[in-house]
C-alpha atoms as a PDB file:
ATOM      1  CA  UNK A   1      97.197 142.707 106.249  1.00  0.00           C
ATOM      2  CA  UNK A   2      99.699 140.409 107.904  1.00  0.00           C
ATOM      3  CA  UNK A   3      96.942 137.932 108.839  1.00  0.00           C
ATOM      4  CA  UNK A   4      95.658 137.899 105.247  1.00  0.00           C
ATOM      5  CA  UNK A   5      99.142 137.176 103.920  1.00  0.00           C
ATOM      6  CA  UNK A   6      99.541 134.269 106.359  1.00  0.00           C
ATOM      7  CA  UNK A   7      96.190 132.761 105.333  1.00  0.00           C
ATOM      8  CA  UNK A   8      97.100 133.162 101.652  1.00  0.00           C
ATOM      9  CA  UNK A   9     100.444 131.412 102.196  1.00  0.00           C
ATOM     10  CA  UNK A  10      98.837 128.601 104.205  1.00  0.00           C
ATOM     11  CA  UNK A  11      96.216 128.013 101.500  1.00  0.00           C
ATOM     12  CA  UNK A  12      98.785 127.671  98.745  1.00  0.00           C
ATOM     13  CA  UNK A  13     101.053 125.504 100.897  1.00  0.00           C
ATOM     14  CA  UNK A  14      98.178 123.065 101.456  1.00  0.00           C
ATOM     15  CA  UNK A  15      97.216 123.184  97.767  1.00  0.00           C
ATOM     16  CA  UNK A  16     100.789 122.442  96.691  1.00  0.00           C
ATOM     17  CA  UNK A  17     101.031 119.574  99.172  1.00  0.00           C
ATOM     18  CA  UNK A  18      97.805 118.029  97.874  1.00  0.00           C
ATOM     19  CA  UNK A  19      98.670 118.309  94.192  1.00  0.00           C
ATOM     20  CA  UNK A  20     102.191 117.079  94.757  1.00  0.00           C
ATOM     21  CA  UNK A  21     101.024 113.729  96.072  1.00  0.00           C
ATOM     22  CA  UNK A  22     100.652 112.112  92.659  1.00  0.00           C
ATOM     23  CA  UNK A  23     103.659 113.609  90.925  1.00  0.00           C
ATOM     24  CA  UNK A  24     106.980 112.114  90.005  1.00  0.00           C
ATOM     25  CA  UNK A  25     107.924 108.477  89.956  1.00  0.00           C
ATOM     26  CA  UNK A  26     107.053 107.746  93.531  1.00  0.00           C
ATOM     27  CA  UNK A  27     104.019 107.667  95.785  1.00  0.00           C
ATOM     28  CA  UNK A  28     102.701 110.135  98.355  1.00  0.00           C
ATOM     29  CA  UNK A  29     103.933 108.024 101.251  1.00  0.00           C
ATOM     30  CA  UNK A  30     102.967 105.008 103.296  1.00  0.00           C
ATOM     31  CA  UNK A  31     100.981 103.973 106.342  1.00  0.00           C
ATOM     32  CA  UNK A  32     102.338 101.880 109.182  1.00  0.00           C
ATOM     33  CA  UNK A  33     105.935 103.112 109.175  1.00  0.00           C
ATOM     34  CA  UNK A  34     105.653 104.278 112.768  1.00  0.00           C
ATOM     35  CA  UNK A  35     105.212 100.618 113.769  1.00  0.00           C
ATOM     36  CA  UNK A  36     107.641  98.953 111.350  1.00  0.00           C
ATOM     37  CA  UNK A  37     110.340 101.609 111.644  1.00  0.00           C
ATOM     38  CA  UNK A  38     110.799 101.513 107.855  1.00  0.00           C
ATOM     39  CA  UNK A  39     109.316 103.849 105.272  1.00  0.00           C
ATOM     40  CA  UNK A  40     108.950 101.872 102.000  1.00  0.00           C
ATOM     41  CA  UNK A  41     109.690 104.672  99.550  1.00  0.00           C
ATOM     42  CA  UNK A  42     108.884 104.122  95.867  1.00  0.00           C
ATOM     43  CA  UNK A  43     111.989 104.878  93.802  1.00  0.00           C
ATOM     44  CA  UNK A  44     111.000 103.981  90.236  1.00  0.00           C
ATOM     45  CA  UNK A  45     107.853 102.935  88.393  1.00  0.00           C
ATOM     46  CA  UNK A  46     108.094 101.728  84.793  1.00  0.00           C
ATOM     47  CA  UNK A  47     105.812  99.957  82.344  1.00  0.00           C
ATOM     48  CA  UNK A  48     106.611  96.773  80.456  1.00  0.00           C
ATOM     49  CA  UNK A  49     104.642  94.960  77.780  1.00  0.00           C
ATOM     50  CA  UNK A  50     105.542  91.871  75.694  1.00  0.00           C
ATOM     51  CA  UNK A  51     107.856  94.096  73.636  1.00  0.00           C
ATOM     52  CA  UNK A  52     110.014  95.015  76.622  1.00  0.00           C
ATOM     53  CA  UNK A  53     110.537  97.901  79.024  1.00  0.00           C
ATOM     54  CA  UNK A  54     108.631 101.016  77.954  1.00  0.00           C
ATOM     55  CA  UNK A  55     109.934 103.294  80.704  1.00  0.00           C
ATOM     56  CA  UNK A  56     107.289 105.726  81.925  1.00  0.00           C
ATOM     57  CA  UNK A  57     105.280 105.434  78.680  1.00  0.00           C
ATOM     58  CA  UNK A  58     101.919 103.812  79.457  1.00  0.00           C
ATOM     59  CA  UNK A  59     100.515 102.958  76.037  1.00  0.00           C
ATOM     60  CA  UNK A  60      98.441  99.768  76.158  1.00  0.00           C
ATOM     61  CA  UNK A  61      97.821  97.718  72.995  1.00  0.00           C
ATOM     62  CA  UNK A  62      94.430  95.995  73.267  1.00  0.00           C
ATOM     63  CA  UNK A  63      94.161  94.384  69.814  1.00  0.00           C
ATOM     64  CA  UNK A  64      96.394  91.647  68.382  1.00  0.00           C
ATOM     65  CA  UNK A  65      96.877  92.340  64.676  1.00  0.00           C
ATOM     66  CA  UNK A  66      98.420  90.610  61.713  1.00  0.00           C
ATOM     67  CA  UNK A  67     101.640  92.230  60.541  1.00  0.00           C
ATOM     68  CA  UNK A  68     102.124  93.647  57.053  1.00  0.00           C
ATOM     69  CA  UNK A  69     103.179  90.274  55.636  1.00  0.00           C
ATOM     70  CA  UNK A  70      99.721  88.892  56.393  1.00  0.00           C
ATOM     71  CA  UNK A  71     101.224  85.883  58.187  1.00  0.00           C
ATOM     72  CA  UNK A  72     103.083  87.079  61.279  1.00  0.00           C
ATOM     73  CA  UNK A  73     100.978  87.918  64.328  1.00  0.00           C
ATOM     74  CA  UNK A  74     102.157  90.887  66.365  1.00  0.00           C
ATOM     75  CA  UNK A  75     103.561  90.298  69.832  1.00  0.00           C
ATOM     76  CA  UNK A  76     100.744  90.463  72.385  1.00  0.00           C
ATOM     77  CA  UNK A  77     100.332  89.689  76.061  1.00  0.00           C
ATOM     78  CA  UNK A  78     100.222  91.124  79.571  1.00  0.00           C
ATOM     79  CA  UNK A  79     101.298  94.544  80.804  1.00  0.00           C
ATOM     80  CA  UNK A  80     103.139  95.062  84.086  1.00  0.00           C
ATOM     81  CA  UNK A  81     104.224  97.852  86.379  1.00  0.00           C
ATOM     82  CA  UNK A  82     107.845  97.401  87.532  1.00  0.00           C
ATOM     83  CA  UNK A  83     108.234  99.049  90.928  1.00  0.00           C
ATOM     84  CA  UNK A  84     111.418  99.449  92.966  1.00  0.00           C
ATOM     85  CA  UNK A  85     111.602 100.575  96.573  1.00  0.00           C
ATOM     86  CA  UNK A  86     114.047 101.873  99.147  1.00  0.00           C
ATOM     87  CA  UNK A  87     113.582 101.083 102.842  1.00  0.00           C
ATOM     88  CA  UNK A  88     114.187 104.398 104.609  1.00  0.00           C
ATOM     89  CA  UNK A  89     114.777 103.948 108.327  1.00  0.00           C
ATOM     90  CA  UNK A  90     112.708 106.310 110.429  1.00  0.00           C
ATOM     91  CA  UNK A  91     115.671 106.481 112.804  1.00  0.00           C
ATOM     92  CA  UNK A  92     118.820 106.261 110.649  1.00  0.00           C
ATOM     93  CA  UNK A  93     120.971 106.040 113.786  1.00  0.00           C
ATOM     94  CA  UNK A  94     119.469 102.687 114.812  1.00  0.00           C
ATOM     95  CA  UNK A  95     120.387  99.432 113.054  1.00  0.00           C
ATOM     96  CA  UNK A  96     117.285  97.505 112.049  1.00  0.00           C
ATOM     97  CA  UNK A  97     116.903  93.798 111.235  1.00  0.00           C
ATOM     98  CA  UNK A  98     113.245  94.198 110.332  1.00  0.00           C
ATOM     99  CA  UNK A  99     111.986  93.222 106.865  1.00  0.00           C
ATOM    100  CA  UNK A 100     108.825  94.292 105.021  1.00  0.00           C
ATOM    101  CA  UNK A 101     106.913  91.626 103.075  1.00  0.00           C
ATOM    102  CA  UNK A 102     104.566  92.736 100.291  1.00  0.00           C
ATOM    103  CA  UNK A 103     101.553  90.412 100.550  1.00  0.00           C
ATOM    104  CA  UNK A 104      98.990  91.862  98.134  1.00  0.00           C
ATOM    105  CA  UNK A 105      98.154  94.734  95.840  1.00  0.00           C
ATOM    106  CA  UNK A 106      95.268  96.113  93.822  1.00  0.00           C
ATOM    107  CA  UNK A 107      94.986  98.156  90.648  1.00  0.00           C
ATOM    108  CA  UNK A 108      91.954 100.369  90.072  1.00  0.00           C
ATOM    109  CA  UNK A 109      91.065 102.119  86.813  1.00  0.00           C
ATOM    110  CA  UNK A 110      89.215 105.441  86.528  1.00  0.00           C
ATOM    111  CA  UNK A 111      87.606 106.514  83.254  1.00  0.00           C
ATOM    112  CA  UNK A 112      88.556 109.829  81.709  1.00  0.00           C
ATOM    113  CA  UNK A 113      85.205 109.707  79.889  1.00  0.00           C
ATOM    114  CA  UNK A 114      82.043 108.285  81.533  1.00  0.00           C
ATOM    115  CA  UNK A 115      81.176 106.596  78.216  1.00  0.00           C
ATOM    116  CA  UNK A 116      84.273 104.374  78.315  1.00  0.00           C
ATOM    117  CA  UNK A 117      83.972 100.660  79.151  1.00  0.00           C
ATOM    118  CA  UNK A 118      84.584  99.818  82.792  1.00  0.00           C
ATOM    119  CA  UNK A 119      87.846  97.997  83.523  1.00  0.00           C
ATOM    120  CA  UNK A 120      87.610  95.562  86.423  1.00  0.00           C
ATOM    121  CA  UNK A 121      89.901  96.020  89.377  1.00  0.00           C
ATOM    122  CA  UNK A 122      92.999  93.829  89.393  1.00  0.00           C
ATOM    123  CA  UNK A 123      94.117  92.311  92.681  1.00  0.00           C
ATOM    124  CA  UNK A 124      96.782  89.809  93.530  1.00  0.00           C
ATOM    125  CA  UNK A 125      98.333  88.011  96.472  1.00  0.00           C
ATOM    126  CA  UNK A 126     102.089  87.841  96.837  1.00  0.00           C
ATOM    127  CA  UNK A 127     103.247  85.318  99.403  1.00  0.00           C
ATOM    128  CA  UNK A 128     106.651  86.351 100.678  1.00  0.00           C
ATOM    129  CA  UNK A 129     108.349  86.782  97.323  1.00  0.00           C
ATOM    130  CA  UNK A 130     108.644  90.566  97.414  1.00  0.00           C
ATOM    131  CA  UNK A 131     110.568  92.053 100.314  1.00  0.00           C
ATOM    132  CA  UNK A 132     111.742  95.542 101.235  1.00  0.00           C
ATOM    133  CA  UNK A 133     114.932  95.579 103.272  1.00  0.00           C
ATOM    134  CA  UNK A 134     115.957  98.459 105.554  1.00  0.00           C
ATOM    135  CA  UNK A 135     118.356 101.020 104.115  1.00  0.00           C
ATOM    136  CA  UNK A 136     118.556  99.059 100.829  1.00  0.00           C
ATOM    137  CA  UNK A 137     117.286  99.155  97.259  1.00  0.00           C
ATOM    138  CA  UNK A 138     114.662  96.454  96.669  1.00  0.00           C
ATOM    139  CA  UNK A 139     113.215  95.382  93.331  1.00  0.00           C
ATOM    140  CA  UNK A 140     112.149  96.172  90.769  1.00  0.00           C
ATOM    141  CA  UNK A 141     109.189  93.847  91.291  1.00  0.00           C
ATOM    142  CA  UNK A 142     106.526  92.999  88.697  1.00  0.00           C
ATOM    143  CA  UNK A 143     102.862  93.847  89.314  1.00  0.00           C
ATOM    144  CA  UNK A 144     100.351  92.689  86.699  1.00  0.00           C
ATOM    145  CA  UNK A 145      98.085  95.511  85.542  1.00  0.00           C
ATOM    146  CA  UNK A 146      96.318  94.130  82.427  1.00  0.00           C
ATOM    147  CA  UNK A 147      96.231  90.620  80.978  1.00  0.00           C
ATOM    148  CA  UNK A 148      95.176  89.636  77.419  1.00  0.00           C
ATOM    149  CA  UNK A 149      91.720  88.534  78.557  1.00  0.00           C
ATOM    150  CA  UNK A 150      90.957  91.914  80.122  1.00  0.00           C
ATOM    151  CA  UNK A 151      92.232  93.736  77.042  1.00  0.00           C
ATOM    152  CA  UNK A 152      90.050  91.586  74.785  1.00  0.00           C
ATOM    153  CA  UNK A 153      87.075  92.359  77.037  1.00  0.00           C
ATOM    154  CA  UNK A 154      87.713  96.102  76.662  1.00  0.00           C
ATOM    155  CA  UNK A 155      87.741  95.670  72.879  1.00  0.00           C
ATOM    156  CA  UNK A 156      84.587  93.523  72.871  1.00  0.00           C
ATOM    157  CA  UNK A 157      82.798  96.080  75.054  1.00  0.00           C
ATOM    158  CA  UNK A 158      83.919  98.889  72.777  1.00  0.00           C
ATOM    159  CA  UNK A 159      82.533  97.290  69.601  1.00  0.00           C
ATOM    160  CA  UNK A 160      79.408  95.811  71.182  1.00  0.00           C
ATOM    161  CA  UNK A 161      77.251  98.845  70.422  1.00  0.00           C
ATOM    162  CA  UNK A 162      76.323  99.413  74.077  1.00  0.00           C
ATOM    163  CA  UNK A 163      78.533 102.504  74.265  1.00  0.00           C
ATOM    164  CA  UNK A 164      78.416 105.760  72.365  1.00  0.00           C
ATOM    165  CA  UNK A 165      80.717 105.791  69.319  1.00  0.00           C
ATOM    166  CA  UNK A 166      84.195 106.340  70.701  1.00  0.00           C
ATOM    167  CA  UNK A 167      87.568 107.020  69.193  1.00  0.00           C
ATOM    168  CA  UNK A 168      90.824 105.738  70.609  1.00  0.00           C
ATOM    169  CA  UNK A 169      93.012 106.118  72.482  1.00  0.00           C
ATOM    170  CA  UNK A 170      90.872 105.519  75.539  1.00  0.00           C
ATOM    171  CA  UNK A 171      92.304 107.308  78.549  1.00  0.00           C
ATOM    172  CA  UNK A 172      92.196 105.950  82.099  1.00  0.00           C
ATOM    173  CA  UNK A 173      93.902 106.890  85.344  1.00  0.00           C
ATOM    174  CA  UNK A 174      95.404 103.831  87.026  1.00  0.00           C
ATOM    175  CA  UNK A 175      95.865 103.648  90.804  1.00  0.00           C
ATOM    176  CA  UNK A 176      98.164 101.005  92.343  1.00  0.00           C
ATOM    177  CA  UNK A 177      97.924 100.317  96.094  1.00  0.00           C
ATOM    178  CA  UNK A 178     100.282  97.923  97.855  1.00  0.00           C
ATOM    179  CA  UNK A 179      99.957  96.261 101.272  1.00  0.00           C
ATOM    180  CA  UNK A 180     102.056  94.009 103.446  1.00  0.00           C
ATOM    181  CA  UNK A 181     103.425  93.168 106.880  1.00  0.00           C
ATOM    182  CA  UNK A 182     106.790  93.299 108.573  1.00  0.00           C
ATOM    183  CA  UNK A 183     108.311  90.209 110.157  1.00  0.00           C
ATOM    184  CA  UNK A 184     106.510  91.009 113.422  1.00  0.00           C
ATOM    185  CA  UNK A 185     103.066  91.166 111.795  1.00  0.00           C
ATOM    186  CA  UNK A 186     102.717  94.962 111.688  1.00  0.00           C
ATOM    187  CA  UNK A 187     100.759  96.084 108.626  1.00  0.00           C
ATOM    188  CA  UNK A 188     101.915  98.733 106.172  1.00  0.00           C
ATOM    189  CA  UNK A 189     100.633 100.304 102.951  1.00  0.00           C
ATOM    190  CA  UNK A 190     102.288 101.987  99.995  1.00  0.00           C
ATOM    191  CA  UNK A 191     100.576 104.289  97.549  1.00  0.00           C
ATOM    192  CA  UNK A 192      98.537 105.168  95.755  1.00  0.00           C
ATOM    193  CA  UNK A 193     100.847 105.219  92.744  1.00  0.00           C
ATOM    194  CA  UNK A 194      98.984 106.915  89.896  1.00  0.00           C
ATOM    195  CA  UNK A 195      99.708 106.773  86.178  1.00  0.00           C
ATOM    196  CA  UNK A 196      97.651 107.725  83.090  1.00  0.00           C
ATOM    197  CA  UNK A 197      97.050 104.978  80.542  1.00  0.00           C
ATOM    198  CA  UNK A 198      96.271 105.401  76.853  1.00  0.00           C
ATOM    199  CA  UNK A 199      94.612 102.311  75.368  1.00  0.00           C
ATOM    200  CA  UNK A 200      94.478 101.843  71.606  1.00  0.00           C
ATOM    201  CA  UNK A 201      95.314  99.501  68.727  1.00  0.00           C
ATOM    202  CA  UNK A 202      99.089  99.997  68.651  1.00  0.00           C
ATOM    203  CA  UNK A 203     100.936  97.930  66.046  1.00  0.00           C
ATOM    204  CA  UNK A 204     104.047  96.094  67.315  1.00  0.00           C
ATOM    205  CA  UNK A 205     105.526  94.120  64.410  1.00  0.00           C
END
C-alpha cells in the first residue's frame, strides 16, 4: 500500500512539473546557466500592436479596413512580443561581471486546426543590442512576431479556396525561443515561451 501511494505521488508530481512548464508569464527555464553562472529568467511577456501595449492579450488583426467614415484607414502594422528578464545568479554569494548577449531568436506557430493556413517561422538576429545583466532587471526588449506581409499572406491563403471554409478567429499556439552567448562565448538558451494567438479581422479605428 505504501509503495502504491509513493508511485501515485511521483506520477502526479511529474505530471504537474510537465504541465507547469508553459504557465504564467515566464518560461520553463534555460540551458547553459551552469557555464554562464546566470539564469536568464523571463519576468514579463506582453503583446504590442500598432495601437499600443495590449498586455497579455494576443489578438492579431490581419486585415486593414476602412473606418466608418469611409476615408480613414485603420491603424495596421507589425506585432511584437515585449519580453523582460532578470539575471539570477546561480551563486548569489559571488559577485559576477559576466553579461549575457541575446544574439538570435525564432518564433514558431502551431495550428489549432489542421485546416488552417501555415504561418512561416520567424527568425531574427540581434547583434549585441539586447543584454541580460547579473542580478538586474533587463528589458523589456522587442521581438517581432508578425509583420504586415505575413498577415496579408494568411488572409490571401484563407480566401484562396485551397482550404476548407473556415471561420475566424484562427487559433495558433506561438512558441518563442531565444539564444545567445555570454561575454566569454558560452552559449545559453531561454524558452520556449508559449502564448495562444487569435487571428481575425479586428477593427481598430
